[in-house]
């Protein structure tokens, strides 16, 4: 498909957007042309499938300043509680 589009100087979605469904069908073939035309115009009837979560984590940025060991322990406990909460969801 890339070669066919590039052969007609179609690089961006806007380039394809400017074509009619028939023009796109003559370049890509009727079925693929219709699909790509509809995708470019925001039409997609495929069901959304939620992705399975594979990792869980929590982080803090480096802008945090700790007040001795107590601050580090407090922050680590907070991060652990956040990860635990996310694991239960």
PDB file of N, CA and C in Angstrom:
ATOM      1  N   UNK A   1       0.824  -1.180   0.000  1.00  0.00           N
ATOM      2  CA  UNK A   1       0.000   0.000   0.000  1.00  0.00           C
ATOM      3  C   UNK A   1       0.873   1.250   0.000  1.00  0.00           C
ATOM      4  N   UNK A   2       1.970   1.233   0.775  1.00  0.00           N
ATOM      5  CA  UNK A   2       2.853   2.398   0.829  1.00  0.00           C
ATOM      6  C   UNK A   2       3.361   2.775  -0.565  1.00  0.00           C
ATOM      7  N   UNK A   3       3.792   1.765  -1.311  1.00  0.00           N
ATOM      8  CA  UNK A   3       4.330   2.039  -2.649  1.00  0.00           C
ATOM      9  C   UNK A   3       3.274   2.660  -3.559  1.00  0.00           C
ATOM     10  N   UNK A   4       2.070   2.133  -3.472  1.00  0.00           N
ATOM     11  CA  UNK A   4       0.991   2.667  -4.313  1.00  0.00           C
ATOM     12  C   UNK A   4       0.688   4.122  -3.967  1.00  0.00           C
ATOM     13  N   UNK A   5       0.653   4.423  -2.669  1.00  0.00           N
ATOM     14  CA  UNK A   5       0.387   5.800  -2.247  1.00  0.00           C
ATOM     15  C   UNK A   5       1.530   6.728  -2.636  1.00  0.00           C
ATOM     16  N   UNK A   6       2.763   6.283  -2.396  1.00  0.00           N
ATOM     17  CA  UNK A   6       3.929   7.106  -2.730  1.00  0.00           C
ATOM     18  C   UNK A   6       4.045   7.343  -4.234  1.00  0.00           C
ATOM     19  N   UNK A   7       3.647   6.365  -5.030  1.00  0.00           N
ATOM     20  CA  UNK A   7       3.700   6.526  -6.490  1.00  0.00           C
ATOM     21  C   UNK A   7       2.783   7.661  -6.957  1.00  0.00           C
ATOM     22  N   UNK A   8       1.780   7.990  -6.145  1.00  0.00           N
ATOM     23  CA  UNK A   8       0.861   9.083  -6.479  1.00  0.00           C
ATOM     24  C   UNK A   8       1.119  10.316  -5.606  1.00  0.00           C
ATOM     25  N   UNK A   9       2.310  10.369  -4.993  1.00  0.00           N
ATOM     26  CA  UNK A   9       2.706  11.487  -4.124  1.00  0.00           C
ATOM     27  C   UNK A   9       1.717  11.718  -2.985  1.00  0.00           C
ATOM     28  N   UNK A  10       1.216  10.632  -2.427  1.00  0.00           N
ATOM     29  CA  UNK A  10       0.311  10.703  -1.281  1.00  0.00           C
ATOM     30  C   UNK A  10       1.092  10.298  -0.037  1.00  0.00           C
ATOM     31  N   UNK A  11       1.442  11.286   0.768  1.00  0.00           N
ATOM     32  CA  UNK A  11       2.296  11.054   1.928  1.00  0.00           C
ATOM     33  C   UNK A  11       1.546  11.226   3.242  1.00  0.00           C
ATOM     34  N   UNK A  12       0.693  12.211   3.299  1.00  0.00           N
ATOM     35  CA  UNK A  12       0.019  12.569   4.550  1.00  0.00           C
ATOM     36  C   UNK A  12      -1.466  12.223   4.478  1.00  0.00           C
ATOM     37  N   UNK A  13      -2.103  12.136   5.622  1.00  0.00           N
ATOM     38  CA  UNK A  13      -3.533  11.871   5.669  1.00  0.00           C
ATOM     39  C   UNK A  13      -4.282  12.947   4.887  1.00  0.00           C
ATOM     40  N   UNK A  14      -3.818  14.184   4.982  1.00  0.00           N
ATOM     41  CA  UNK A  14      -4.477  15.279   4.248  1.00  0.00           C
ATOM     42  C   UNK A  14      -4.463  15.024   2.745  1.00  0.00           C
ATOM     43  N   UNK A  15      -3.372  14.430   2.240  1.00  0.00           N
ATOM     44  CA  UNK A  15      -3.298  14.108   0.811  1.00  0.00           C
ATOM     45  C   UNK A  15      -4.401  13.129   0.422  1.00  0.00           C
ATOM     46  N   UNK A  16      -4.611  12.125   1.261  1.00  0.00           N
ATOM     47  CA  UNK A  16      -5.641  11.115   0.992  1.00  0.00           C
ATOM     48  C   UNK A  16      -7.022  11.716   1.221  1.00  0.00           C
ATOM     49  N   UNK A  17      -7.145  12.559   2.223  1.00  0.00           N
ATOM     50  CA  UNK A  17      -8.409  13.215   2.556  1.00  0.00           C
ATOM     51  C   UNK A  17      -8.956  13.978   1.354  1.00  0.00           C
ATOM     52  N   UNK A  18      -8.059  14.569   0.588  1.00  0.00           N
ATOM     53  CA  UNK A  18      -8.473  15.392  -0.552  1.00  0.00           C
ATOM     54  C   UNK A  18      -9.007  14.570  -1.722  1.00  0.00           C
ATOM     55  N   UNK A  19      -8.801  13.245  -1.715  1.00  0.00           N
ATOM     56  CA  UNK A  19      -9.262  12.385  -2.800  1.00  0.00           C
ATOM     57  C   UNK A  19     -10.705  11.936  -2.572  1.00  0.00           C
ATOM     58  N   UNK A  20     -11.383  11.618  -3.646  1.00  0.00           N
ATOM     59  CA  UNK A  20     -12.710  11.012  -3.521  1.00  0.00           C
ATOM     60  C   UNK A  20     -12.524   9.524  -3.230  1.00  0.00           C
ATOM     61  N   UNK A  21     -13.594   8.887  -2.801  1.00  0.00           N
ATOM     62  CA  UNK A  21     -13.524   7.459  -2.533  1.00  0.00           C
ATOM     63  C   UNK A  21     -13.193   6.686  -3.812  1.00  0.00           C
ATOM     64  N   UNK A  22     -13.735   7.128  -4.932  1.00  0.00           N
ATOM     65  CA  UNK A  22     -13.463   6.483  -6.214  1.00  0.00           C
ATOM     66  C   UNK A  22     -12.009   6.617  -6.638  1.00  0.00           C
ATOM     67  N   UNK A  23     -11.435   7.814  -6.446  1.00  0.00           N
ATOM     68  CA  UNK A  23     -10.023   8.022  -6.797  1.00  0.00           C
ATOM     69  C   UNK A  23      -9.127   7.121  -5.951  1.00  0.00           C
ATOM     70  N   UNK A  24      -9.430   7.055  -4.677  1.00  0.00           N
ATOM     71  CA  UNK A  24      -8.626   6.226  -3.780  1.00  0.00           C
ATOM     72  C   UNK A  24      -8.792   4.751  -4.124  1.00  0.00           C
ATOM     73  N   UNK A  25     -10.000   4.362  -4.506  1.00  0.00           N
ATOM     74  CA  UNK A  25     -10.255   2.989  -4.914  1.00  0.00           C
ATOM     75  C   UNK A  25      -9.498   2.612  -6.173  1.00  0.00           C
ATOM     76  N   UNK A  26      -9.325   3.553  -7.086  1.00  0.00           N
ATOM     77  CA  UNK A  26      -8.576   3.252  -8.316  1.00  0.00           C
ATOM     78  C   UNK A  26      -7.088   3.101  -8.039  1.00  0.00           C
ATOM     79  N   UNK A  27      -6.605   3.703  -6.962  1.00  0.00           N
ATOM     80  CA  UNK A  27      -5.185   3.595  -6.601  1.00  0.00           C
ATOM     81  C   UNK A  27      -4.925   2.332  -5.783  1.00  0.00           C
ATOM     82  N   UNK A  28      -5.772   2.070  -4.786  1.00  0.00           N
ATOM     83  CA  UNK A  28      -5.533   0.978  -3.842  1.00  0.00           C
ATOM     84  C   UNK A  28      -6.370  -0.270  -4.103  1.00  0.00           C
ATOM     85  N   UNK A  29      -7.350  -0.170  -4.950  1.00  0.00           N
ATOM     86  CA  UNK A  29      -8.314  -1.247  -5.120  1.00  0.00           C
ATOM     87  C   UNK A  29      -9.585  -0.866  -4.387  1.00  0.00           C
ATOM     88  N   UNK A  30     -10.711  -1.398  -4.846  1.00  0.00           N
ATOM     89  CA  UNK A  30     -12.010  -0.964  -4.320  1.00  0.00           C
ATOM     90  C   UNK A  30     -12.157  -1.172  -2.810  1.00  0.00           C
ATOM     91  N   UNK A  31     -11.862  -2.365  -2.327  1.00  0.00           N
ATOM     92  CA  UNK A  31     -12.056  -2.656  -0.900  1.00  0.00           C
ATOM     93  C   UNK A  31     -11.132  -1.858  -0.003  1.00  0.00           C
ATOM     94  N   UNK A  32      -9.836  -1.889  -0.298  1.00  0.00           N
ATOM     95  CA  UNK A  32      -8.859  -1.158   0.519  1.00  0.00           C
ATOM     96  C   UNK A  32      -9.080   0.342   0.405  1.00  0.00           C
ATOM     97  N   UNK A  33      -9.404   0.800  -0.791  1.00  0.00           N
ATOM     98  CA  UNK A  33      -9.664   2.232  -0.982  1.00  0.00           C
ATOM     99  C   UNK A  33     -10.810   2.713  -0.128  1.00  0.00           C
ATOM    100  N   UNK A  34     -11.881   1.929  -0.061  1.00  0.00           N
ATOM    101  CA  UNK A  34     -13.028   2.300   0.771  1.00  0.00           C
ATOM    102  C   UNK A  34     -12.656   2.328   2.242  1.00  0.00           C
ATOM    103  N   UNK A  35     -11.921   1.316   2.709  1.00  0.00           N
ATOM    104  CA  UNK A  35     -11.500   1.278   4.127  1.00  0.00           C
ATOM    105  C   UNK A  35     -10.651   2.491   4.484  1.00  0.00           C
ATOM    106  N   UNK A  36      -9.637   2.765   3.669  1.00  0.00           N
ATOM    107  CA  UNK A  36      -8.734   3.882   3.961  1.00  0.00           C
ATOM    108  C   UNK A  36      -9.493   5.202   3.892  1.00  0.00           C
ATOM    109  N   UNK A  37     -10.381   5.347   2.926  1.00  0.00           N
ATOM    110  CA  UNK A  37     -11.190   6.556   2.814  1.00  0.00           C
ATOM    111  C   UNK A  37     -12.001   6.773   4.087  1.00  0.00           C
ATOM    112  N   UNK A  38     -12.653   5.708   4.551  1.00  0.00           N
ATOM    113  CA  UNK A  38     -13.463   5.830   5.762  1.00  0.00           C
ATOM    114  C   UNK A  38     -12.612   6.126   6.988  1.00  0.00           C
ATOM    115  N   UNK A  39     -11.459   5.476   7.124  1.00  0.00           N
ATOM    116  CA  UNK A  39     -10.575   5.753   8.264  1.00  0.00           C
ATOM    117  C   UNK A  39     -10.140   7.215   8.262  1.00  0.00           C
ATOM    118  N   UNK A  40      -9.814   7.746   7.093  1.00  0.00           N
ATOM    119  CA  UNK A  40      -9.382   9.148   6.995  1.00  0.00           C
ATOM    120  C   UNK A  40     -10.493  10.116   7.361  1.00  0.00           C
ATOM    121  N   UNK A  41     -11.735   9.668   7.217  1.00  0.00           N
ATOM    122  CA  UNK A  41     -12.876  10.519   7.540  1.00  0.00           C
ATOM    123  C   UNK A  41     -13.496  10.160   8.889  1.00  0.00           C
ATOM    124  N   UNK A  42     -12.757   9.416   9.700  1.00  0.00           N
ATOM    125  CA  UNK A  42     -13.183   9.121  11.068  1.00  0.00           C
ATOM    126  C   UNK A  42     -14.243   8.054  11.191  1.00  0.00           C
ATOM    127  N   UNK A  43     -14.409   7.226  10.169  1.00  0.00           N
ATOM    128  CA  UNK A  43     -15.409   6.155  10.225  1.00  0.00           C
ATOM    129  C   UNK A  43     -14.700   4.822  10.418  1.00  0.00           C
ATOM    130  N   UNK A  44     -14.952   4.198  11.552  1.00  0.00           N
ATOM    131  CA  UNK A  44     -14.317   2.919  11.865  1.00  0.00           C
ATOM    132  C   UNK A  44     -15.274   2.127  12.752  1.00  0.00           C
ATOM    133  N   UNK A  45     -15.871   1.098  12.185  1.00  0.00           N
ATOM    134  CA  UNK A  45     -16.879   0.325  12.912  1.00  0.00           C
ATOM    135  C   UNK A  45     -16.302  -0.842  13.696  1.00  0.00           C
ATOM    136  N   UNK A  46     -14.977  -0.992  13.691  1.00  0.00           N
ATOM    137  CA  UNK A  46     -14.387  -2.102  14.441  1.00  0.00           C
ATOM    138  C   UNK A  46     -14.608  -1.899  15.934  1.00  0.00           C
ATOM    139  N   UNK A  47     -14.922  -2.969  16.671  1.00  0.00           N
ATOM    140  CA  UNK A  47     -15.110  -2.824  18.118  1.00  0.00           C
ATOM    141  C   UNK A  47     -13.771  -2.516  18.805  1.00  0.00           C
ATOM    142  N   UNK A  48     -13.849  -1.733  19.851  1.00  0.00           N
ATOM    143  CA  UNK A  48     -12.658  -1.400  20.637  1.00  0.00           C
ATOM    144  C   UNK A  48     -12.414  -2.540  21.613  1.00  0.00           C
ATOM    145  N   UNK A  49     -11.208  -3.071  21.592  1.00  0.00           N
ATOM    146  CA  UNK A  49     -10.848  -4.161  22.504  1.00  0.00           C
ATOM    147  C   UNK A  49      -9.869  -3.607  23.536  1.00  0.00           C
ATOM    148  N   UNK A  50     -10.252  -3.613  24.807  1.00  0.00           N
ATOM    149  CA  UNK A  50      -9.333  -3.095  25.826  1.00  0.00           C
ATOM    150  C   UNK A  50      -8.076  -3.958  25.909  1.00  0.00           C
ATOM    151  N   UNK A  51      -6.948  -3.306  26.040  1.00  0.00           N
ATOM    152  CA  UNK A  51      -5.675  -4.014  26.144  1.00  0.00           C
ATOM    153  C   UNK A  51      -5.472  -4.511  27.568  1.00  0.00           C
ATOM    154  N   UNK A  52      -4.906  -5.699  27.691  1.00  0.00           N
ATOM    155  CA  UNK A  52      -4.611  -6.257  28.998  1.00  0.00           C
ATOM    156  C   UNK A  52      -3.419  -5.528  29.601  1.00  0.00           C
ATOM    157  N   UNK A  53      -3.546  -5.119  30.858  1.00  0.00           N
ATOM    158  CA  UNK A  53      -2.452  -4.435  31.539  1.00  0.00           C
ATOM    159  C   UNK A  53      -1.371  -5.447  31.846  1.00  0.00           C
ATOM    160  N   UNK A  54      -0.137  -5.152  31.423  1.00  0.00           N
ATOM    161  CA  UNK A  54       0.968  -6.088  31.627  1.00  0.00           C
ATOM    162  C   UNK A  54       1.911  -5.642  32.743  1.00  0.00           C
ATOM    163  N   UNK A  55       1.936  -4.367  33.026  1.00  0.00           N
ATOM    164  CA  UNK A  55       2.793  -3.874  34.102  1.00  0.00           C
ATOM    165  C   UNK A  55       2.007  -2.877  34.943  1.00  0.00           C
ATOM    166  N   UNK A  56       2.436  -2.745  36.168  1.00  0.00           N
ATOM    167  CA  UNK A  56       1.854  -1.776  37.088  1.00  0.00           C
ATOM    168  C   UNK A  56       3.017  -1.092  37.784  1.00  0.00           C
ATOM    169  N   UNK A  57       2.962   0.201  37.876  1.00  0.00           N
ATOM    170  CA  UNK A  57       4.048   0.905  38.539  1.00  0.00           C
ATOM    171  C   UNK A  57       3.597   2.254  39.049  1.00  0.00           C
ATOM    172  N   UNK A  58       4.476   2.895  39.767  1.00  0.00           N
ATOM    173  CA  UNK A  58       4.266   4.254  40.258  1.00  0.00           C
ATOM    174  C   UNK A  58       5.628   4.918  40.287  1.00  0.00           C
ATOM    175  N   UNK A  59       5.644   6.219  40.163  1.00  0.00           N
ATOM    176  CA  UNK A  59       6.916   6.925  40.143  1.00  0.00           C
ATOM    177  C   UNK A  59       6.769   8.297  40.785  1.00  0.00           C
ATOM    178  N   UNK A  60       7.872   8.872  41.123  1.00  0.00           N
ATOM    179  CA  UNK A  60       7.885  10.263  41.569  1.00  0.00           C
ATOM    180  C   UNK A  60       9.002  10.954  40.806  1.00  0.00           C
ATOM    181  N   UNK A  61       8.870  12.242  40.619  1.00  0.00           N
ATOM    182  CA  UNK A  61       9.894  12.939  39.840  1.00  0.00           C
ATOM    183  C   UNK A  61      11.090  13.312  40.713  1.00  0.00           C
ATOM    184  N   UNK A  62      12.153  13.702  40.064  1.00  0.00           N
ATOM    185  CA  UNK A  62      13.387  14.004  40.787  1.00  0.00           C
ATOM    186  C   UNK A  62      13.343  15.350  41.498  1.00  0.00           C
ATOM    187  N   UNK A  63      12.272  16.083  41.346  1.00  0.00           N
ATOM    188  CA  UNK A  63      12.151  17.353  42.034  1.00  0.00           C
ATOM    189  C   UNK A  63      11.840  17.209  43.518  1.00  0.00           C
ATOM    190  N   UNK A  64      11.580  16.000  43.967  1.00  0.00           N
ATOM    191  CA  UNK A  64      11.245  15.763  45.368  1.00  0.00           C
ATOM    192  C   UNK A  64      12.519  15.836  46.214  1.00  0.00           C
ATOM    193  N   UNK A  65      12.447  16.554  47.312  1.00  0.00           N
ATOM    194  CA  UNK A  65      13.572  16.652  48.250  1.00  0.00           C
ATOM    195  C   UNK A  65      13.165  15.958  49.541  1.00  0.00           C
ATOM    196  N   UNK A  66      14.031  15.099  50.039  1.00  0.00           N
ATOM    197  CA  UNK A  66      13.721  14.328  51.238  1.00  0.00           C
ATOM    198  C   UNK A  66      14.385  14.956  52.459  1.00  0.00           C
ATOM    199  N   UNK A  67      13.677  14.871  53.571  1.00  0.00           N
ATOM    200  CA  UNK A  67      14.215  15.327  54.846  1.00  0.00           C
ATOM    201  C   UNK A  67      14.755  14.117  55.596  1.00  0.00           C
ATOM    202  N   UNK A  68      15.943  13.682  55.246  1.00  0.00           N
ATOM    203  CA  UNK A  68      16.565  12.548  55.916  1.00  0.00           C
ATOM    204  C   UNK A  68      15.914  11.227  55.539  1.00  0.00           C
ATOM    205  N   UNK A  69      16.253  10.199  56.306  1.00  0.00           N
ATOM    206  CA  UNK A  69      15.778   8.854  56.039  1.00  0.00           C
ATOM    207  C   UNK A  69      14.265   8.739  56.182  1.00  0.00           C
ATOM    208  N   UNK A  70      13.682   9.506  57.103  1.00  0.00           N
ATOM    209  CA  UNK A  70      12.236   9.458  57.302  1.00  0.00           C
ATOM    210  C   UNK A  70      11.504   9.811  56.005  1.00  0.00           C
ATOM    211  N   UNK A  71      11.964  10.830  55.300  1.00  0.00           N
ATOM    212  CA  UNK A  71      11.326  11.252  54.057  1.00  0.00           C
ATOM    213  C   UNK A  71      11.379  10.182  52.986  1.00  0.00           C
ATOM    214  N   UNK A  72      12.511   9.484  52.890  1.00  0.00           N
ATOM    215  CA  UNK A  72      12.652   8.403  51.902  1.00  0.00           C
ATOM    216  C   UNK A  72      11.681   7.272  52.236  1.00  0.00           C
ATOM    217  N   UNK A  73      11.640   6.873  53.511  1.00  0.00           N
ATOM    218  CA  UNK A  73      10.728   5.804  53.919  1.00  0.00           C
ATOM    219  C   UNK A  73       9.269   6.186  53.671  1.00  0.00           C
ATOM    220  N   UNK A  74       8.924   7.437  53.954  1.00  0.00           N
ATOM    221  CA  UNK A  74       7.559   7.918  53.741  1.00  0.00           C
ATOM    222  C   UNK A  74       7.200   7.851  52.250  1.00  0.00           C
ATOM    223  N   UNK A  75       8.118   8.301  51.398  1.00  0.00           N
ATOM    224  CA  UNK A  75       7.870   8.299  49.957  1.00  0.00           C
ATOM    225  C   UNK A  75       7.750   6.873  49.432  1.00  0.00           C
ATOM    226  N   UNK A  76       8.632   5.975  49.859  1.00  0.00           N
ATOM    227  CA  UNK A  76       8.594   4.589  49.385  1.00  0.00           C
ATOM    228  C   UNK A  76       7.306   3.892  49.837  1.00  0.00           C
ATOM    229  N   UNK A  77       6.866   4.181  51.051  1.00  0.00           N
ATOM    230  CA  UNK A  77       5.615   3.615  51.544  1.00  0.00           C
ATOM    231  C   UNK A  77       4.444   4.119  50.704  1.00  0.00           C
ATOM    232  N   UNK A  78       4.469   5.394  50.382  1.00  0.00           N
ATOM    233  CA  UNK A  78       3.410   5.968  49.544  1.00  0.00           C
ATOM    234  C   UNK A  78       3.385   5.345  48.157  1.00  0.00           C
ATOM    235  N   UNK A  79       4.559   5.152  47.565  1.00  0.00           N
ATOM    236  CA  UNK A  79       4.629   4.529  46.243  1.00  0.00           C
ATOM    237  C   UNK A  79       4.129   3.080  46.291  1.00  0.00           C
ATOM    238  N   UNK A  80       4.520   2.357  47.328  1.00  0.00           N
ATOM    239  CA  UNK A  80       4.078   0.968  47.471  1.00  0.00           C
ATOM    240  C   UNK A  80       2.558   0.897  47.631  1.00  0.00           C
ATOM    241  N   UNK A  81       1.983   1.813  48.393  1.00  0.00           N
ATOM    242  CA  UNK A  81       0.530   1.830  48.571  1.00  0.00           C
ATOM    243  C   UNK A  81      -0.165   2.139  47.246  1.00  0.00           C
ATOM    244  N   UNK A  82       0.415   3.029  46.454  1.00  0.00           N
ATOM    245  CA  UNK A  82      -0.161   3.361  45.152  1.00  0.00           C
ATOM    246  C   UNK A  82      -0.141   2.158  44.213  1.00  0.00           C
ATOM    247  N   UNK A  83       0.968   1.430  44.187  1.00  0.00           N
ATOM    248  CA  UNK A  83       1.054   0.227  43.346  1.00  0.00           C
ATOM    249  C   UNK A  83       0.048  -0.809  43.820  1.00  0.00           C
ATOM    250  N   UNK A  84      -0.071  -0.978  45.128  1.00  0.00           N
ATOM    251  CA  UNK A  84      -1.049  -1.934  45.671  1.00  0.00           C
ATOM    252  C   UNK A  84      -2.464  -1.567  45.252  1.00  0.00           C
ATOM    253  N   UNK A  85      -2.788  -0.290  45.313  1.00  0.00           N
ATOM    254  CA  UNK A  85      -4.119   0.184  44.909  1.00  0.00           C
ATOM    255  C   UNK A  85      -4.366  -0.103  43.430  1.00  0.00           C
ATOM    256  N   UNK A  86      -3.359   0.135  42.593  1.00  0.00           N
ATOM    257  CA  UNK A  86      -3.515  -0.110  41.150  1.00  0.00           C
ATOM    258  C   UNK A  86      -3.643  -1.593  40.843  1.00  0.00           C
ATOM    259  N   UNK A  87      -2.994  -2.434  41.644  1.00  0.00           N
ATOM    260  CA  UNK A  87      -3.091  -3.882  41.417  1.00  0.00           C
ATOM    261  C   UNK A  87      -4.482  -4.406  41.744  1.00  0.00           C
ATOM    262  N   UNK A  88      -5.165  -3.772  42.668  1.00  0.00           N
ATOM    263  CA  UNK A  88      -6.506  -4.241  43.046  1.00  0.00           C
ATOM    264  C   UNK A  88      -7.570  -3.778  42.070  1.00  0.00           C
ATOM    265  N   UNK A  89      -7.232  -2.836  41.187  1.00  0.00           N
ATOM    266  CA  UNK A  89      -8.216  -2.338  40.185  1.00  0.00           C
ATOM    267  C   UNK A  89      -8.205  -3.180  38.968  1.00  0.00           C
TER     268      UNK A  89
END
